[in-house]
Amino acid sequence: MGLRCAALFMIVLCSVTSARGQVPLTSNGAWEYFKVQASGPMTSANVKATCEGAGFATPCPGDAECDYSSPACAQTGLTGCIHPMEDISQELCSNNPRYCPELEGVYTFMAGWSEGAACGAERGSWCTVGTGYSDRFALCARDLSDQCAQNPCQNGGTCTDTGETYTCDCWAAWTGDNCETDVDECQQTPCQNGGTCTNTPGSYSCSCADGWTGTNCGEDVNECANSPCENGGTCTNTDGGYSCACSGSAIGRNCESIINGDSCYRLSTDTKTFSDADAFCKTLGGYLTKVTTLAEQEYLGQLVRQGTAVSHWIGLQGTGTSFEYADASAISSELRWMPDKPEDLCVMLAQAGNYDLNAAFCSKLRNYICESDVSACGTNSCQNGGTCTTCFSGGVGSAHTFCDCLPGYSGDQCETDIDECSSAPCQNQGTCTEGVNTYSCSCPTGFDGDNCEIDVDLCNPDPCPVNWRCDDFTYYFTCTKPELQADLKIRGDILKRFRNLCNTLRQPILLPPPPPE
């Protein structure tokens, strides 16, 4: 008795352990049968939904003549129409389903039976009405002749049945027999222009470097759309960046600073309190502009008009109070003030007053003007004898270094030797030779002057023998004997009349041979 109980306990334990998913039961050569965990009442509709949800077919209880078969189930070769699952039970246990532990709790589809219930083997009973039970097992089948019936290809792959097996045609982002392996697209370095690639399931993403955008960072960002160039600078978009062509005395990557004599000025595009503006200017290696002369005030006012056209803090601040009573008497020193009251007054170039000076509470948010002295560079980075100066050199990324170039050189670092021949100064096919801040012209025969602009008279002085005639033909001259001069004159008159006649007749000119020497 003890051994029989132990054996029964092992059977039940195996059944519970395997009931968590899909458990194969048997096959008839063409179809393989499974019991699949269901959820909800064991109706025929739920059995069908459970099978199809797991990628299986729903087997009919009998052949096409069976009253409980219908187009909703698949003919798999079962014949037990009024004895459902008999074929499977005999194969598994050589007995009917009520005595087959492997079919305990398994329900089969029955079309039109007992108000939609499925038929099951339950606790020694056969064809138990399934509507009284929930969360049991559905009898399902897989067509062994269709290798793609269970949709083995993952991630959108297309399955092709090849008879004994199948193949999967995978999307480009997946590989493997069942398209189960994600392809690392970053191995192909799809991100352009310094972008960083991150592989994702079935795809990838690019984190683009500054100046680039798009799926693969192949699209140039038009930085000029944000108008980065200040003080009248002209923006030119470039691949991955931009450049500013500054006008007037503006300097800097964004033309943000203006040099005037021994000072550099930077007009803000943001607003700060007086103390914050003062602190910020110091981080740049400068200070809030002092404005010590009327000429400087008018100059800065004009810059503001051309830019933001609003009031700007300057580095001028009151140190006491100017309050008084209505009768003009001085304020009493015995009165108590709240901490930090009254506030000091600070000075600005007032937009409302034609940029005259005006005072306001220092806590107001205003634009501001930073100033820096122009000084010699610690290290002369200018080439070809240029003189290096700098301003706003105290802060990271704020310094401006510029070069005063010797005549004949140009460029930010005086690195370019100006080509004085580029303007083609040599006339009359003269050859130009470029030098440092100069050039020279090599003139062809017959011309002279710094630019070959003088047509030389080749017959002055007369190079021909006495009484011979000299003829200047610009690049050369000829000498004619006296006895031939009259004959040549006659021949010349004849040739002239002959040419005129030929031109009239529009015939080619046949010139006579020259006279013998």
Protein backbone atom coordinates (compact mmCIF):
# COMPACT_ATOMS: atom_id res chain seq x y z
CA MET A 1 0.00 0.00 0.00
CA GLY A 2 2.84 2.39 0.82
CA LEU A 3 4.52 1.87 -2.57
CA ARG A 4 1.24 2.47 -4.45
CA CYS A 5 0.68 5.76 -2.56
CA ALA A 6 4.22 6.86 -3.29
CA ALA A 7 3.78 6.13 -6.98
CA LEU A 8 0.48 8.03 -7.08
CA PHE A 9 2.10 10.98 -5.29
CA MET A 10 4.89 11.08 -7.91
CA ILE A 11 2.37 11.09 -10.77
CA VAL A 12 0.41 13.99 -9.22
CA LEU A 13 3.62 15.90 -8.48
CA CYS A 14 4.83 15.55 -12.06
CA SER A 15 1.47 16.71 -13.35
CA VAL A 16 1.53 19.85 -11.19
CA THR A 17 5.11 20.64 -12.06
CA SER A 18 4.59 20.39 -15.82
CA ALA A 19 1.24 22.20 -15.82
CA ARG A 20 2.78 25.65 -15.85
CA GLY A 21 3.02 25.85 -19.63
CA GLN A 22 2.71 23.54 -22.58
CA VAL A 23 3.04 19.80 -21.95
CA PRO A 24 3.34 17.40 -24.91
CA LEU A 25 1.04 14.36 -24.68
CA THR A 26 1.30 12.18 -27.79
CA SER A 27 1.16 12.25 -31.58
CA ASN A 28 -0.51 10.31 -34.35
CA GLY A 29 2.17 10.95 -36.99
CA ALA A 30 0.55 14.02 -38.56
CA TRP A 31 -0.38 15.92 -35.40
CA GLU A 32 1.18 16.32 -31.99
CA TYR A 33 -1.13 16.93 -28.99
CA PHE A 34 -0.45 19.19 -26.00
CA LYS A 35 -2.19 20.22 -22.84
CA VAL A 36 -1.89 23.98 -22.38
CA GLN A 37 -2.61 25.96 -19.21
CA ALA A 38 -5.87 27.90 -19.55
CA SER A 39 -7.22 30.86 -17.60
CA GLY A 40 -10.90 31.26 -16.79
CA PRO A 41 -13.96 28.97 -17.15
CA MET A 42 -13.38 25.87 -19.26
CA THR A 43 -15.72 26.69 -22.11
CA SER A 44 -15.16 25.59 -25.71
CA ALA A 45 -14.53 29.22 -26.62
CA ASN A 46 -11.85 29.50 -23.93
CA VAL A 47 -10.23 26.23 -25.06
CA LYS A 48 -10.06 27.58 -28.61
CA ALA A 49 -8.68 30.95 -27.45
CA THR A 50 -6.06 29.22 -25.27
CA CYS A 51 -4.85 27.01 -28.12
CA GLU A 52 -4.67 29.80 -30.66
CA GLY A 53 -3.00 32.12 -28.15
CA ALA A 54 -0.22 29.54 -27.75
CA GLY A 55 0.15 29.13 -31.50
CA PHE A 56 -1.68 25.77 -31.70
CA ALA A 57 -4.71 24.45 -33.52
CA THR A 58 -7.94 23.46 -31.72
CA PRO A 59 -8.61 19.77 -32.49
CA CYS A 60 -12.16 18.61 -33.22
CA PRO A 61 -13.41 15.71 -31.02
CA GLY A 62 -14.29 13.63 -34.10
CA ASP A 63 -14.31 13.65 -37.89
CA ALA A 64 -16.33 16.00 -40.09
CA GLU A 65 -19.51 13.94 -39.55
CA CYS A 66 -19.32 14.43 -35.77
CA ASP A 67 -22.10 16.65 -34.40
CA TYR A 68 -19.60 18.30 -32.07
CA SER A 69 -17.17 19.22 -34.83
CA SER A 70 -17.39 22.53 -36.73
CA PRO A 71 -15.29 24.80 -39.00
CA ALA A 72 -14.03 26.46 -35.78
CA CYS A 73 -11.89 23.39 -34.94
CA ALA A 74 -9.28 21.43 -36.91
CA GLN A 75 -9.63 17.87 -38.20
CA THR A 76 -6.58 16.17 -36.73
CA GLY A 77 -7.64 12.52 -37.17
CA LEU A 78 -9.47 12.07 -33.83
CA THR A 79 -12.53 9.82 -34.09
CA GLY A 80 -14.06 9.73 -30.60
CA CYS A 81 -17.01 12.05 -31.29
CA ILE A 82 -19.19 10.85 -28.40
CA HIS A 83 -16.17 9.62 -26.48
CA PRO A 84 -13.87 12.68 -26.67
CA MET A 85 -10.14 12.18 -26.18
CA GLU A 86 -10.54 8.37 -26.37
CA ASP A 87 -7.90 8.10 -29.12
CA ILE A 88 -5.36 10.06 -27.06
CA SER A 89 -6.16 8.25 -23.82
CA GLN A 90 -5.71 4.83 -25.42
CA GLU A 91 -2.32 5.91 -26.77
CA LEU A 92 -1.21 7.30 -23.39
CA CYS A 93 -2.77 4.89 -20.90
CA SER A 94 -4.43 2.03 -22.87
CA ASN A 95 -7.63 3.09 -21.14
CA ASN A 96 -10.33 5.76 -21.32
CA PRO A 97 -9.67 9.32 -20.10
CA ARG A 98 -11.17 8.88 -16.61
CA TYR A 99 -8.39 6.39 -15.81
CA CYS A 100 -5.57 8.33 -17.52
CA PRO A 101 -3.68 10.59 -15.06
CA GLU A 102 -2.02 12.51 -17.92
CA LEU A 103 -5.47 13.77 -19.01
CA GLU A 104 -6.60 14.80 -15.51
CA GLY A 105 -8.05 18.33 -15.80
CA VAL A 106 -7.73 18.41 -19.62
CA TYR A 107 -10.73 19.77 -21.58
CA THR A 108 -11.47 19.43 -25.27
CA PHE A 109 -13.46 21.62 -27.63
CA MET A 110 -17.10 20.51 -28.17
CA ALA A 111 -19.11 22.59 -30.63
CA GLY A 112 -22.69 23.20 -29.47
CA TRP A 113 -22.44 21.08 -26.36
CA SER A 114 -23.97 21.90 -22.94
CA GLU A 115 -24.36 25.67 -23.40
CA GLY A 116 -20.85 26.19 -24.71
CA ALA A 117 -18.99 24.04 -22.17
CA ALA A 118 -15.87 22.06 -22.99
CA CYS A 119 -15.64 18.35 -22.16
CA GLY A 120 -12.98 17.27 -19.66
CA ALA A 121 -11.59 14.44 -17.57
CA GLU A 122 -12.04 15.56 -13.97
CA ARG A 123 -11.56 13.44 -10.77
CA GLY A 124 -12.48 10.10 -12.28
CA SER A 125 -15.30 11.51 -14.40
CA TRP A 126 -15.32 11.69 -18.15
CA CYS A 127 -16.86 14.49 -20.20
CA THR A 128 -17.20 16.75 -17.18
CA VAL A 129 -19.06 19.99 -18.03
CA GLY A 130 -16.29 22.57 -18.10
CA THR A 131 -18.37 25.62 -17.15
CA GLY A 132 -18.13 24.46 -13.55
CA TYR A 133 -14.33 24.54 -13.58
CA SER A 134 -11.72 27.23 -14.21
CA ASP A 135 -7.99 27.53 -14.88
CA ARG A 136 -7.58 23.94 -16.09
CA PHE A 137 -5.96 22.68 -19.31
CA ALA A 138 -6.94 22.95 -22.96
CA LEU A 139 -6.33 20.11 -25.43
CA CYS A 140 -4.40 21.61 -28.37
CA ALA A 141 -2.63 20.25 -31.45
CA ARG A 142 0.30 21.15 -33.66
CA ASP A 143 0.45 20.21 -37.33
CA LEU A 144 3.69 18.27 -37.74
CA SER A 145 3.54 18.79 -41.48
CA ASP A 146 3.62 22.62 -41.03
CA GLN A 147 6.98 23.56 -39.53
CA CYS A 148 5.86 27.20 -39.26
CA ALA A 149 2.64 26.49 -37.35
CA GLN A 150 4.09 27.68 -34.04
CA ASN A 151 5.58 30.84 -35.51
CA PRO A 152 9.18 30.00 -34.57
CA CYS A 153 10.61 33.11 -36.24
CA GLN A 154 10.87 35.94 -33.72
CA ASN A 155 11.00 39.73 -34.10
CA GLY A 156 8.98 39.90 -37.28
CA GLY A 157 10.92 37.21 -39.16
CA THR A 158 9.16 35.34 -42.00
CA CYS A 159 8.98 31.54 -41.71
CA THR A 160 9.33 29.20 -44.72
CA ASP A 161 8.41 25.51 -44.32
CA THR A 162 11.07 23.38 -46.07
CA GLY A 163 9.47 19.97 -45.34
CA GLU A 164 11.38 18.47 -42.47
CA THR A 165 12.38 21.84 -41.04
CA TYR A 166 11.97 25.59 -41.66
CA THR A 167 14.00 28.73 -42.33
CA CYS A 168 13.55 32.27 -41.04
CA ASP A 169 14.00 35.34 -43.20
CA CYS A 170 14.99 37.99 -40.64
CA TRP A 171 14.76 41.75 -40.68
CA ALA A 172 18.11 43.48 -41.09
CA ALA A 173 18.28 44.27 -37.37
CA TRP A 174 18.01 40.60 -36.26
CA THR A 175 19.90 37.37 -36.94
CA GLY A 176 20.03 33.74 -35.74
CA ASP A 177 18.09 30.61 -36.71
CA ASN A 178 14.90 32.09 -35.23
CA CYS A 179 15.82 35.79 -35.63
CA GLU A 180 16.39 35.84 -31.89
CA THR A 181 19.74 37.69 -31.87
CA ASP A 182 19.94 41.45 -32.06
CA VAL A 183 22.40 42.76 -34.65
CA ASP A 184 24.81 45.36 -33.25
CA GLU A 185 24.36 48.07 -35.90
CA CYS A 186 27.05 50.17 -34.21
CA GLN A 187 29.66 47.77 -35.62
CA GLN A 188 28.94 49.39 -38.99
CA THR A 189 29.66 52.88 -37.53
CA PRO A 190 26.47 54.46 -38.93
CA CYS A 191 26.86 57.71 -36.96
CA GLN A 192 28.66 60.32 -39.02
CA ASN A 193 30.64 63.46 -38.16
CA GLY A 194 31.82 62.32 -34.73
CA GLY A 195 28.42 61.07 -33.52
CA THR A 196 28.30 58.40 -30.78
CA CYS A 197 26.38 55.19 -31.53
CA THR A 198 24.28 53.27 -28.96
CA ASN A 199 22.90 49.85 -29.93
CA THR A 200 19.23 49.20 -29.09
CA PRO A 201 17.05 46.07 -29.59
CA GLY A 202 16.39 45.95 -33.32
CA SER A 203 17.95 49.33 -34.02
CA TYR A 204 20.47 51.95 -32.84
CA SER A 205 20.59 55.63 -31.94
CA CYS A 206 23.15 58.37 -32.59
CA SER A 207 24.15 61.10 -30.17
CA CYS A 208 25.38 63.85 -32.48
CA ALA A 209 28.31 66.19 -31.96
CA ASP A 210 27.63 69.92 -31.85
CA GLY A 211 26.68 71.27 -35.24
CA TRP A 212 25.09 68.06 -36.58
CA THR A 213 21.66 66.44 -36.42
CA GLY A 214 19.60 63.71 -38.13
CA THR A 215 19.27 59.95 -37.62
CA ASN A 216 22.92 59.38 -38.57
CA CYS A 217 24.18 62.90 -37.71
CA GLY A 218 24.54 63.60 -41.41
CA GLU A 219 22.55 66.84 -41.45
CA ASP A 220 24.37 70.07 -40.80
CA VAL A 221 22.74 72.38 -38.25
CA ASN A 222 22.35 75.92 -39.56
CA GLU A 223 23.75 77.80 -36.58
CA CYS A 224 23.22 81.09 -38.40
CA ALA A 225 19.46 80.66 -37.88
CA ASN A 226 20.02 81.75 -34.26
CA SER A 227 21.93 84.90 -35.34
CA PRO A 228 25.04 84.25 -33.21
CA CYS A 229 27.07 87.11 -34.70
CA GLU A 230 26.78 90.34 -32.68
CA ASN A 231 27.54 93.98 -33.43
CA GLY A 232 26.67 93.77 -37.12
CA GLY A 233 28.71 90.64 -37.86
CA THR A 234 27.73 88.51 -40.87
CA CYS A 235 27.21 84.80 -40.24
CA THR A 236 28.28 82.06 -42.67
CA ASN A 237 27.13 78.51 -41.98
CA THR A 238 29.80 75.81 -42.35
CA ASP A 239 29.79 72.02 -42.07
CA GLY A 240 29.36 71.39 -38.35
CA GLY A 241 29.77 75.03 -37.35
CA TYR A 242 29.69 78.65 -38.46
CA SER A 243 31.92 81.70 -38.80
CA CYS A 244 31.32 85.40 -38.23
CA ALA A 245 32.75 88.12 -40.46
CA CYS A 246 32.96 91.07 -38.06
CA SER A 247 32.35 94.62 -39.17
CA GLY A 248 34.13 97.74 -38.00
CA SER A 249 36.22 97.24 -34.88
CA ALA A 250 34.27 94.20 -33.57
CA ILE A 251 36.34 91.12 -32.68
CA GLY A 252 35.77 87.64 -31.27
CA ARG A 253 34.22 84.41 -32.54
CA ASN A 254 30.78 86.02 -32.36
CA CYS A 255 32.01 89.62 -32.84
CA GLU A 256 30.99 90.05 -29.21
CA SER A 257 33.69 92.57 -28.29
CA ILE A 258 34.61 95.94 -29.77
CA ILE A 259 38.09 97.38 -29.63
CA ASN A 260 38.47 101.16 -29.38
CA GLY A 261 41.93 102.54 -28.82
CA ASP A 262 43.32 101.09 -25.61
CA SER A 263 40.02 99.54 -24.47
CA CYS A 264 37.81 96.58 -25.36
CA TYR A 265 34.07 96.67 -24.68
CA ARG A 266 31.55 93.86 -24.47
CA LEU A 267 27.83 94.73 -24.49
CA SER A 268 25.71 92.09 -22.79
CA THR A 269 22.71 90.39 -24.35
CA ASP A 270 21.36 89.34 -20.91
CA THR A 271 20.34 91.25 -17.76
CA LYS A 272 21.80 91.12 -14.26
CA THR A 273 21.73 93.10 -11.03
CA PHE A 274 24.55 95.60 -10.64
CA SER A 275 26.57 93.36 -8.30
CA ASP A 276 26.10 90.28 -10.48
CA ALA A 277 27.11 92.24 -13.58
CA ASP A 278 30.20 93.56 -11.79
CA ALA A 279 31.17 90.05 -10.70
CA PHE A 280 30.64 88.62 -14.19
CA CYS A 281 32.83 91.25 -15.85
CA LYS A 282 35.60 90.37 -13.41
CA THR A 283 35.40 86.69 -14.37
CA LEU A 284 36.16 87.77 -17.94
CA GLY A 285 39.26 89.62 -16.82
CA GLY A 286 37.57 93.02 -17.12
CA TYR A 287 35.33 95.35 -15.15
CA LEU A 288 32.09 97.30 -15.50
CA THR A 289 33.02 100.14 -17.85
CA LYS A 290 34.09 103.30 -16.04
CA VAL A 291 33.03 105.92 -18.66
CA THR A 292 35.33 108.75 -17.70
CA THR A 293 34.86 111.10 -20.66
CA LEU A 294 31.94 112.53 -22.61
CA ALA A 295 33.44 111.15 -25.81
CA GLU A 296 33.45 107.65 -24.31
CA GLN A 297 29.84 108.08 -23.13
CA GLU A 298 28.70 109.14 -26.60
CA TYR A 299 30.68 106.30 -28.21
CA LEU A 300 29.09 103.68 -25.94
CA GLY A 301 25.64 105.22 -26.40
CA GLN A 302 26.02 104.82 -30.15
CA LEU A 303 27.06 101.16 -29.75
CA VAL A 304 23.98 100.51 -27.59
CA ARG A 305 21.70 102.16 -30.16
CA GLN A 306 23.05 99.81 -32.81
CA GLY A 307 22.62 96.76 -30.57
CA THR A 308 20.08 96.09 -27.85
CA ALA A 309 18.95 99.76 -27.55
CA VAL A 310 18.18 99.36 -23.82
CA SER A 311 19.69 100.79 -20.63
CA HIS A 312 23.08 99.36 -19.53
CA TRP A 313 24.79 99.36 -16.13
CA ILE A 314 28.18 101.08 -15.98
CA GLY A 315 30.69 100.87 -13.14
CA LEU A 316 29.43 103.81 -11.11
CA GLN A 317 27.69 103.31 -7.75
CA GLY A 318 26.42 105.57 -4.99
CA THR A 319 27.73 105.16 -1.44
CA GLY A 320 24.99 106.88 0.67
CA THR A 321 21.38 108.05 0.62
CA SER A 322 19.87 111.12 -0.98
CA PHE A 323 16.49 111.00 0.81
CA GLU A 324 14.98 114.20 2.30
CA TYR A 325 11.67 115.38 3.78
CA ALA A 326 9.02 117.29 1.87
CA ASP A 327 10.26 120.56 3.34
CA ALA A 328 13.73 119.77 2.00
CA SER A 329 15.16 119.16 5.46
CA ALA A 330 17.71 116.39 5.90
CA ILE A 331 16.62 112.97 6.99
CA SER A 332 17.06 112.19 10.69
CA SER A 333 20.00 109.97 11.54
CA GLU A 334 18.13 108.58 14.56
CA LEU A 335 15.62 106.58 12.51
CA ARG A 336 15.93 102.85 12.18
CA TRP A 337 16.03 101.14 8.75
CA MET A 338 15.33 97.53 7.92
CA PRO A 339 18.52 95.62 7.10
CA ASP A 340 20.09 96.64 3.75
CA LYS A 341 17.70 99.64 3.46
CA PRO A 342 17.81 102.02 1.75
CA GLU A 343 19.49 100.34 -1.18
CA ASP A 344 22.47 101.98 -2.80
CA LEU A 345 21.85 103.65 -6.13
CA CYS A 346 23.76 102.50 -9.21
CA VAL A 347 24.32 104.28 -12.51
CA MET A 348 23.32 103.30 -16.02
CA LEU A 349 23.32 104.69 -19.52
CA ALA A 350 19.60 105.41 -19.69
CA GLN A 351 17.82 104.51 -22.91
CA ALA A 352 14.98 106.88 -22.07
CA GLY A 353 17.41 109.77 -21.64
CA ASN A 354 19.38 109.48 -24.88
CA TYR A 355 21.91 107.38 -22.92
CA ASP A 356 22.65 110.10 -20.43
CA LEU A 357 23.61 108.87 -16.97
CA ASN A 358 20.77 107.98 -14.62
CA ALA A 359 20.55 106.26 -11.23
CA ALA A 360 18.42 103.26 -10.27
CA PHE A 361 18.26 100.73 -7.48
CA CYS A 362 21.15 98.29 -7.82
CA SER A 363 18.82 95.29 -7.56
CA LYS A 364 17.15 96.14 -10.88
CA LEU A 365 17.88 93.81 -13.76
CA ARG A 366 19.68 95.66 -16.54
CA ASN A 367 21.97 94.98 -19.44
CA TYR A 368 25.57 95.94 -18.73
CA ILE A 369 28.87 96.84 -20.42
CA CYS A 370 32.14 95.13 -19.56
CA GLU A 371 35.44 96.83 -20.34
CA SER A 372 39.00 95.52 -20.51
CA ASP A 373 42.33 97.24 -21.07
CA VAL A 374 44.24 96.29 -24.19
CA SER A 375 47.64 94.93 -23.14
CA ALA A 376 50.61 93.11 -24.59
CA CYS A 377 50.34 89.32 -24.81
CA GLY A 378 52.36 87.22 -22.41
CA THR A 379 53.57 85.20 -25.40
CA ASN A 380 53.73 86.76 -28.86
CA SER A 381 51.80 84.37 -31.09
CA CYS A 382 51.91 86.68 -34.12
CA GLN A 383 54.04 85.66 -37.07
CA ASN A 384 56.24 87.65 -39.44
CA GLY A 385 57.05 90.37 -36.95
CA GLY A 386 53.44 91.16 -35.95
CA THR A 387 52.71 92.69 -32.54
CA CYS A 388 50.39 90.73 -30.24
CA THR A 389 47.84 92.41 -27.93
CA THR A 390 44.99 90.98 -25.88
CA CYS A 391 41.91 91.95 -23.89
CA PHE A 392 39.46 90.11 -21.58
CA SER A 393 42.27 87.68 -20.83
CA GLY A 394 41.21 86.71 -17.31
CA GLY A 395 38.44 84.19 -18.03
CA VAL A 396 38.39 80.81 -19.73
CA GLY A 397 37.20 81.21 -23.30
CA SER A 398 36.80 84.98 -22.98
CA ALA A 399 40.22 86.21 -24.12
CA HIS A 400 40.67 88.02 -27.42
CA THR A 401 44.12 87.99 -28.95
CA PHE A 402 44.81 90.00 -32.05
CA CYS A 403 47.83 90.93 -34.10
CA ASP A 404 48.97 94.23 -35.56
CA CYS A 405 50.70 93.07 -38.74
CA LEU A 406 53.66 94.62 -40.52
CA PRO A 407 52.95 96.02 -44.02
CA GLY A 408 52.67 93.19 -46.52
CA TYR A 409 51.14 90.63 -44.13
CA SER A 410 47.57 89.79 -43.10
CA GLY A 411 45.59 87.12 -41.26
CA ASP A 412 44.65 86.58 -37.62
CA GLN A 413 48.25 85.64 -36.85
CA CYS A 414 49.89 87.71 -39.64
CA GLU A 415 50.53 84.36 -41.30
CA THR A 416 49.57 85.44 -44.83
CA ASP A 417 52.04 87.21 -47.13
CA ILE A 418 49.86 89.58 -49.16
CA ASP A 419 50.25 88.86 -52.88
CA GLU A 420 50.78 92.29 -54.37
CA CYS A 421 50.67 90.69 -57.84
CA SER A 422 47.06 89.53 -57.33
CA SER A 423 45.77 92.87 -58.69
CA ALA A 424 47.79 92.39 -61.93
CA PRO A 425 49.60 95.76 -61.74
CA CYS A 426 51.94 95.08 -64.68
CA GLN A 427 50.54 96.40 -67.97
CA ASN A 428 51.22 95.44 -71.59
CA GLN A 429 51.89 91.77 -70.75
CA GLY A 430 54.57 92.58 -68.22
CA THR A 431 55.54 89.81 -65.78
CA CYS A 432 54.94 90.50 -62.04
CA THR A 433 57.28 89.24 -59.31
CA GLU A 434 55.87 89.42 -55.76
CA GLY A 435 57.92 90.55 -52.76
CA VAL A 436 57.22 91.48 -49.14
CA ASN A 437 54.95 94.54 -49.30
CA THR A 438 56.23 95.20 -52.84
CA TYR A 439 56.39 93.83 -56.38
CA SER A 440 58.38 94.35 -59.58
CA CYS A 441 57.47 94.22 -63.26
CA SER A 442 59.60 92.69 -66.01
CA CYS A 443 58.54 94.53 -69.20
CA PRO A 444 58.50 93.16 -72.76
CA THR A 445 60.55 94.87 -75.48
CA GLY A 446 59.08 98.22 -76.33
CA PHE A 447 57.70 99.06 -72.85
CA ASP A 448 59.14 100.56 -69.70
CA GLY A 449 58.10 102.03 -66.34
CA ASP A 450 57.29 100.57 -62.90
CA ASN A 451 54.13 98.98 -64.32
CA CYS A 452 55.31 98.70 -68.00
CA GLU A 453 52.96 101.55 -68.74
CA ILE A 454 55.40 103.53 -71.00
CA ASP A 455 55.46 102.71 -74.75
CA VAL A 456 59.16 103.18 -75.72
CA ASP A 457 59.91 104.88 -79.12
CA LEU A 458 62.24 102.33 -80.70
CA CYS A 459 63.24 104.81 -83.41
CA ASN A 460 64.47 107.40 -80.87
CA PRO A 461 67.38 107.50 -81.01
CA ASP A 462 67.35 106.36 -84.65
CA PRO A 463 69.07 102.95 -84.87
CA CYS A 464 69.07 102.85 -88.73
CA PRO A 465 71.90 103.92 -91.11
CA VAL A 466 71.98 107.47 -92.40
CA ASN A 467 69.11 108.30 -94.76
CA TRP A 468 67.42 104.99 -93.98
CA ARG A 469 63.85 105.13 -92.68
CA CYS A 470 63.04 103.74 -89.21
CA ASP A 471 59.54 102.29 -88.57
CA ASP A 472 58.43 101.56 -84.94
CA PHE A 473 56.05 98.58 -84.66
CA THR A 474 55.75 98.64 -80.83
CA TYR A 475 57.57 95.37 -80.17
CA TYR A 476 60.14 95.75 -83.01
CA PHE A 477 61.41 98.25 -85.64
CA THR A 478 62.47 98.08 -89.34
CA CYS A 479 64.99 100.01 -91.47
CA THR A 480 64.30 100.71 -95.19
CA LYS A 481 66.93 101.64 -97.85
CA PRO A 482 66.44 105.08 -99.49
CA GLU A 483 66.11 103.68 -103.10
CA LEU A 484 63.38 101.29 -102.00
CA GLN A 485 61.31 103.84 -100.13
CA ALA A 486 59.57 105.30 -103.24
CA ASP A 487 59.01 101.83 -104.70
CA LEU A 488 57.62 100.57 -101.42
CA LYS A 489 55.35 103.60 -101.24
CA ILE A 490 53.97 102.86 -104.72
CA ARG A 491 53.56 99.16 -103.89
CA GLY A 492 51.88 100.13 -100.63
CA ASP A 493 49.36 102.34 -102.47
CA ILE A 494 48.66 99.55 -104.96
CA LEU A 495 48.17 97.00 -102.17
CA LYS A 496 45.81 99.36 -100.37
CA ARG A 497 43.64 99.82 -103.50
CA PHE A 498 43.74 96.08 -104.14
CA ARG A 499 42.55 95.29 -100.61
CA ASN A 500 39.70 97.77 -100.95
CA LEU A 501 38.64 96.13 -104.24
CA CYS A 502 38.78 92.65 -102.75
CA ASN A 503 36.75 93.75 -99.74
CA THR A 504 34.13 95.10 -102.11
CA LEU A 505 34.02 91.83 -104.06
CA ARG A 506 34.39 89.83 -100.86
CA GLN A 507 37.12 87.72 -102.41
CA PRO A 508 40.27 86.47 -100.71
CA ILE A 509 43.30 88.76 -100.99
CA LEU A 510 46.26 87.43 -103.00
CA LEU A 511 49.27 89.48 -101.98
CA PRO A 512 52.21 89.81 -104.40
CA PRO A 513 55.56 88.58 -103.20
CA PRO A 514 57.85 91.12 -101.49
CA PRO A 515 60.56 92.83 -103.60
CA PRO A 516 64.01 91.32 -103.57
CA GLU A 517 66.58 92.90 -101.29
